[in-house]
Amino acid sequence: MCRRSRRNAITAQLQGGGDIHCSVTIDGQTKSGHASGGYNICSAQLNGDFMGGWS
């Protein structure tokens, strides 16, 4: 049985201001996020499905 991770995520937090974009790409599937201003957090996450794909 393959024990490959079925959840892949990234987060980035601003330090008082600015603008940031983040993304996760696996097997051609991409999820992206955006944050701006203050101490906001950008996050993007891909989850594995039961058929071996990503969503």
C-alpha atoms as a PDB file:
ATOM      1  CA  MET A   1       0.000   0.000   0.000  1.00  0.00           C
ATOM      2  CA  CYS A   2       1.298   3.428  -0.928  1.00  0.00           C
ATOM      3  CA  ARG A   3       1.491   5.807   2.023  1.00  0.00           C
ATOM      4  CA  ARG A   4       1.746   8.952  -0.109  1.00  0.00           C
ATOM      5  CA  SER A   5       0.457  12.139   1.493  1.00  0.00           C
ATOM      6  CA  ARG A   6      -3.148  12.866   0.521  1.00  0.00           C
ATOM      7  CA  ARG A   7      -3.086  16.480   1.689  1.00  0.00           C
ATOM      8  CA  ASN A   8      -0.594  19.066   0.506  1.00  0.00           C
ATOM      9  CA  ALA A   9      -0.800  22.629   1.728  1.00  0.00           C
ATOM     10  CA  ILE A  10       1.168  25.857   1.979  1.00  0.00           C
ATOM     11  CA  THR A  11       0.612  28.923   4.146  1.00  0.00           C
ATOM     12  CA  ALA A  12       2.362  32.289   4.273  1.00  0.00           C
ATOM     13  CA  GLN A  13       1.656  35.120   6.696  1.00  0.00           C
ATOM     14  CA  LEU A  14       2.220  38.795   6.004  1.00  0.00           C
ATOM     15  CA  GLN A  15       4.178  40.751   8.580  1.00  0.00           C
ATOM     16  CA  GLY A  16       2.158  43.944   8.982  1.00  0.00           C
ATOM     17  CA  GLY A  17       1.259  44.669   5.373  1.00  0.00           C
ATOM     18  CA  GLY A  18       1.758  43.828   1.738  1.00  0.00           C
ATOM     19  CA  ASP A  19       0.286  41.496  -0.843  1.00  0.00           C
ATOM     20  CA  ILE A  20       1.033  37.804  -1.444  1.00  0.00           C
ATOM     21  CA  HIS A  21      -0.157  35.030  -3.741  1.00  0.00           C
ATOM     22  CA  CYS A  22       0.521  31.339  -3.026  1.00  0.00           C
ATOM     23  CA  SER A  23      -0.236  28.096  -4.871  1.00  0.00           C
ATOM     24  CA  VAL A  24       0.146  24.318  -4.757  1.00  0.00           C
ATOM     25  CA  THR A  25       0.405  22.318  -8.016  1.00  0.00           C
ATOM     26  CA  ILE A  26       0.388  18.504  -8.222  1.00  0.00           C
ATOM     27  CA  ASP A  27      -0.138  16.430 -11.364  1.00  0.00           C
ATOM     28  CA  GLY A  28      -1.399  19.469 -13.286  1.00  0.00           C
ATOM     29  CA  GLN A  29      -3.986  20.460 -10.625  1.00  0.00           C
ATOM     30  CA  THR A  30      -3.459  23.875  -9.022  1.00  0.00           C
ATOM     31  CA  LYS A  31      -5.078  25.542  -6.024  1.00  0.00           C
ATOM     32  CA  SER A  32      -4.137  29.101  -5.200  1.00  0.00           C
ATOM     33  CA  GLY A  33      -4.711  31.698  -2.507  1.00  0.00           C
ATOM     34  CA  HIS A  34      -4.223  35.417  -1.907  1.00  0.00           C
ATOM     35  CA  ALA A  35      -3.806  37.695   1.105  1.00  0.00           C
ATOM     36  CA  SER A  36      -3.227  41.427   1.474  1.00  0.00           C
ATOM     37  CA  GLY A  37      -2.696  43.927   4.276  1.00  0.00           C
ATOM     38  CA  GLY A  38      -2.100  43.500   7.984  1.00  0.00           C
ATOM     39  CA  TYR A  39      -1.087  40.087   9.261  1.00  0.00           C
ATOM     40  CA  ASN A  40      -3.373  38.096   6.948  1.00  0.00           C
ATOM     41  CA  ILE A  41      -2.554  34.544   5.891  1.00  0.00           C
ATOM     42  CA  CYS A  42      -2.432  33.152   2.366  1.00  0.00           C
ATOM     43  CA  SER A  43      -3.212  29.441   2.111  1.00  0.00           C
ATOM     44  CA  ALA A  44      -3.659  26.877  -0.650  1.00  0.00           C
ATOM     45  CA  GLN A  45      -4.420  23.166  -0.257  1.00  0.00           C
ATOM     46  CA  LEU A  46      -4.877  20.142  -2.532  1.00  0.00           C
ATOM     47  CA  ASN A  47      -6.567  17.037  -1.148  1.00  0.00           C
ATOM     48  CA  GLY A  48      -6.331  13.528  -2.532  1.00  0.00           C
ATOM     49  CA  ASP A  49      -9.558  11.826  -3.560  1.00  0.00           C
ATOM     50  CA  PHE A  50     -10.469   8.136  -3.332  1.00  0.00           C
ATOM     51  CA  MET A  51      -9.690   7.571  -7.019  1.00  0.00           C
ATOM     52  CA  GLY A  52      -6.069   8.724  -6.672  1.00  0.00           C
ATOM     53  CA  GLY A  53      -6.668  12.205  -8.093  1.00  0.00           C
ATOM     54  CA  TRP A  54      -6.501  15.638  -6.529  1.00  0.00           C
ATOM     55  CA  SER A  55      -9.158  18.232  -5.746  1.00  0.00           C
END
